[in-house]
Protein backbone atom coordinates (compact mmCIF):
# COMPACT_ATOMS: atom_id res chain seq x y z
CA UNK A 1 18.03 -29.89 -2.57
CA UNK A 2 14.42 -28.89 -2.24
CA UNK A 3 12.81 -28.05 1.09
CA UNK A 4 9.31 -27.09 0.00
CA UNK A 5 7.24 -30.13 1.04
CA UNK A 6 8.53 -31.99 4.07
CA UNK A 7 8.14 -35.25 5.87
CA UNK A 8 10.43 -36.38 8.64
CA UNK A 9 12.45 -39.45 7.73
CA UNK A 10 13.79 -42.06 10.12
CA UNK A 11 17.36 -40.81 9.68
CA UNK A 12 16.43 -37.33 10.95
CA UNK A 13 16.54 -35.94 7.41
CA UNK A 14 13.88 -34.76 5.03
CA UNK A 15 11.96 -36.55 2.35
CA UNK A 16 10.14 -34.84 -0.47
CA UNK A 17 6.51 -35.94 -0.61
CA UNK A 18 6.01 -38.42 -3.42
CA UNK A 19 9.67 -39.33 -3.47
CA UNK A 20 11.15 -42.47 -2.03
CA UNK A 21 14.65 -41.07 -1.57
CA UNK A 22 15.28 -39.15 1.65
CA UNK A 23 17.06 -35.84 1.35
CA UNK A 24 19.25 -35.46 4.39
CA UNK A 25 20.61 -32.19 5.65
CA UNK A 26 24.23 -31.60 4.69
CA UNK A 27 26.77 -33.50 6.76
CA UNK A 28 28.09 -30.23 8.19
CA UNK A 29 24.99 -30.04 10.43
CA UNK A 30 24.70 -31.84 13.73
CA UNK A 31 21.67 -33.90 14.70
CA UNK A 32 20.68 -31.13 17.11
CA UNK A 33 20.70 -28.54 14.31
CA UNK A 34 18.74 -30.88 12.04
CA UNK A 35 16.13 -31.35 14.76
CA UNK A 36 15.88 -27.58 15.29
CA UNK A 37 15.46 -27.08 11.55
CA UNK A 38 12.66 -29.63 11.39
CA UNK A 39 10.92 -27.90 14.31
CA UNK A 40 11.45 -24.52 12.60
CA UNK A 41 9.88 -25.84 9.39
CA UNK A 42 6.86 -27.16 11.26
CA UNK A 43 6.26 -23.89 13.17
CA UNK A 44 8.90 -21.16 13.51
CA UNK A 45 7.22 -19.73 16.61
CA UNK A 46 7.98 -22.80 18.73
CA UNK A 47 11.72 -22.16 18.90
CA UNK A 48 12.89 -20.32 22.00
CA UNK A 49 15.35 -17.43 21.69
CA UNK A 50 18.32 -19.54 22.77
CA UNK A 51 17.33 -22.31 20.33
CA UNK A 52 17.13 -19.81 17.47
CA UNK A 53 20.53 -18.39 18.42
CA UNK A 54 22.04 -21.90 18.60
CA UNK A 55 20.55 -22.84 15.23
CA UNK A 56 21.94 -19.67 13.62
CA UNK A 57 25.35 -20.33 15.21
CA UNK A 58 25.46 -23.91 13.90
CA UNK A 59 24.30 -22.87 10.43
CA UNK A 60 26.97 -20.14 10.29
CA UNK A 61 29.57 -22.78 11.14
CA UNK A 62 28.19 -25.09 8.45
CA UNK A 63 28.35 -22.27 5.86
CA UNK A 64 31.95 -21.56 6.87
CA UNK A 65 32.81 -25.25 6.44
CA UNK A 66 31.00 -25.56 3.09
CA UNK A 67 30.74 -22.04 1.62
CA UNK A 68 29.86 -23.32 -1.86
CA UNK A 69 26.61 -25.02 -0.82
CA UNK A 70 23.85 -22.54 -1.67
CA UNK A 71 21.18 -24.54 0.17
CA UNK A 72 23.07 -24.09 3.46
CA UNK A 73 22.95 -20.32 2.91
CA UNK A 74 19.21 -20.60 2.25
CA UNK A 75 18.76 -22.45 5.54
CA UNK A 76 20.87 -19.83 7.33
CA UNK A 77 18.83 -17.05 5.73
CA UNK A 78 15.59 -18.70 6.84
CA UNK A 79 16.89 -19.15 10.40
CA UNK A 80 18.02 -15.51 10.47
CA UNK A 81 14.52 -14.45 9.42
CA UNK A 82 13.01 -16.50 12.24
CA UNK A 83 15.56 -14.89 14.60
CA UNK A 84 14.44 -11.44 13.37
CA UNK A 85 17.68 -10.52 11.61
CA UNK A 86 16.34 -9.54 8.17
CA UNK A 87 19.35 -7.57 6.89
CA UNK A 88 21.78 -10.45 7.36
CA UNK A 89 19.16 -12.89 6.05
CA UNK A 90 18.84 -10.74 2.93
CA UNK A 91 22.61 -10.88 2.41
CA UNK A 92 22.73 -14.68 2.84
CA UNK A 93 19.79 -15.27 0.49
CA UNK A 94 21.22 -12.86 -2.09
CA UNK A 95 24.53 -14.75 -1.95
CA UNK A 96 22.76 -18.10 -2.32
CA UNK A 97 21.03 -16.84 -5.49
CA UNK A 98 24.35 -15.53 -6.79
CA UNK A 99 26.01 -18.90 -6.10
CA UNK A 100 23.22 -21.01 -7.58
CA UNK A 101 21.04 -18.96 -9.96
CA UNK A 102 19.13 -22.09 -10.98
CA UNK A 103 18.20 -23.10 -7.42
CA UNK A 104 14.42 -22.97 -6.98
CA UNK A 105 14.40 -22.68 -3.19
CA UNK A 106 17.04 -19.92 -3.16
CA UNK A 107 14.98 -17.83 -5.60
CA UNK A 108 11.70 -18.52 -3.81
CA UNK A 109 12.98 -17.68 -0.33
CA UNK A 110 14.86 -14.60 -1.54
CA UNK A 111 11.67 -13.42 -3.23
CA UNK A 112 9.67 -14.15 -0.08
CA UNK A 113 11.98 -12.08 2.12
CA UNK A 114 11.93 -9.22 -0.38
CA UNK A 115 8.13 -9.42 -0.37
CA UNK A 116 8.02 -9.30 3.44
CA UNK A 117 10.35 -6.30 3.38
CA UNK A 118 7.97 -4.64 0.88
CA UNK A 119 10.51 -4.57 -1.95
CA UNK A 120 7.83 -5.86 -4.25
CA UNK A 121 9.18 -5.30 -7.75
CA UNK A 122 12.41 -7.16 -7.02
CA UNK A 123 10.39 -9.82 -5.17
CA UNK A 124 8.21 -10.26 -8.24
CA UNK A 125 11.30 -10.78 -10.43
CA UNK A 126 12.79 -13.38 -8.08
CA UNK A 127 9.46 -15.17 -7.70
CA UNK A 128 9.01 -15.22 -11.48
CA UNK A 129 12.41 -16.90 -11.77
CA UNK A 130 11.33 -19.42 -9.11
CA UNK A 131 8.19 -20.23 -11.11
CA UNK A 132 10.36 -20.90 -14.16
CA UNK A 133 12.67 -23.15 -12.10
CA UNK A 134 9.87 -25.17 -10.47
CA UNK A 135 10.37 -28.86 -11.14
CA UNK A 136 7.05 -30.19 -9.82
CA UNK A 137 3.47 -29.09 -9.20
CA UNK A 138 4.03 -28.37 -5.49
CA UNK A 139 6.92 -26.01 -6.23
CA UNK A 140 4.99 -24.30 -9.01
CA UNK A 141 1.98 -23.84 -6.72
CA UNK A 142 4.10 -22.30 -3.95
CA UNK A 143 5.70 -19.85 -6.37
CA UNK A 144 2.37 -18.97 -8.03
CA UNK A 145 0.73 -18.22 -4.67
CA UNK A 146 3.68 -16.03 -3.68
CA UNK A 147 3.48 -14.22 -7.03
CA UNK A 148 -0.25 -13.62 -6.52
CA UNK A 149 0.42 -12.12 -3.08
CA UNK A 150 3.06 -9.81 -4.55
CA UNK A 151 0.68 -8.69 -7.33
CA UNK A 152 -1.95 -7.89 -4.70
CA UNK A 153 0.58 -5.88 -2.70
CA UNK A 154 1.61 -3.95 -5.81
CA UNK A 155 -2.00 -3.28 -6.74
CA UNK A 156 -2.78 -2.01 -3.23
CA UNK A 157 0.33 0.17 -3.14
CA UNK A 158 2.05 -1.63 -0.27
CA UNK A 159 5.52 -1.41 -1.81
CA UNK A 160 8.13 0.73 -0.10
CA UNK A 161 8.53 4.01 -1.89
CA UNK A 162 12.13 4.78 -1.01
CA UNK A 163 13.38 8.33 -0.68
CA UNK A 164 11.58 9.56 -3.79
CA UNK A 165 8.21 8.59 -2.35
CA UNK A 166 9.06 10.10 1.02
CA UNK A 167 10.28 13.35 -0.49
CA UNK A 168 7.30 13.71 -2.78
CA UNK A 169 4.89 13.11 0.11
CA UNK A 170 6.76 15.61 2.29
CA UNK A 171 6.79 18.19 -0.50
CA UNK A 172 3.09 17.61 -1.13
CA UNK A 173 2.33 18.12 2.59
CA UNK A 174 4.42 21.30 2.65
CA UNK A 175 2.59 22.69 -0.41
CA UNK A 176 -0.80 21.97 1.14
CA UNK A 177 0.07 23.69 4.42
CA UNK A 178 1.53 26.60 2.49
CA UNK A 179 -1.71 26.96 0.49
CA UNK A 180 -3.75 27.00 3.70
CA UNK A 181 -1.58 29.76 5.13
CA UNK A 182 -1.87 32.04 2.07
CA UNK A 183 -5.56 31.59 1.34
CA UNK A 184 -7.64 34.68 2.14
CA UNK A 185 -10.05 34.35 5.02
CA UNK A 186 -13.48 35.85 4.37
CA UNK A 187 -14.55 38.42 6.95
CA UNK A 188 -18.20 38.76 7.79
């Protein structure tokens, strides 16, 4: 399944632009959940807190019913991101990539979350894989734009440094303050 370019179909599913066949959400989802997903895709900010919680609950149930469907995990990961639960979203997206390593949307969304969490080198790897898996120009364009954003972040030094970066900055600060304390003060 691909969820990168959307149009609402009459059967409350999704259709890929330029394609005549409608891609419906998996049968494990209710019409209510499908409607919430469509609204989330249009603008994630329009969902109220209780709607986000309900969507996450229904997607968790769908994943439990069909644990082998990687696209359901991608949808759950996206809903968790919208509901501001990035750690669990990261786990769901990582599992979707593990289940379906050749799934474009799983790689793209996993790379996007990594990028937003400032884990840029891993995000660049996942996005590169998504570019390789792109099956049409729209997918390739999405992945290329994401890759360009990641390159900009890396160039500007936005990536999280981890403990090594924190320790080196702390040590550097300590050395500078130590130098200031031991420097002789000229007396006039």
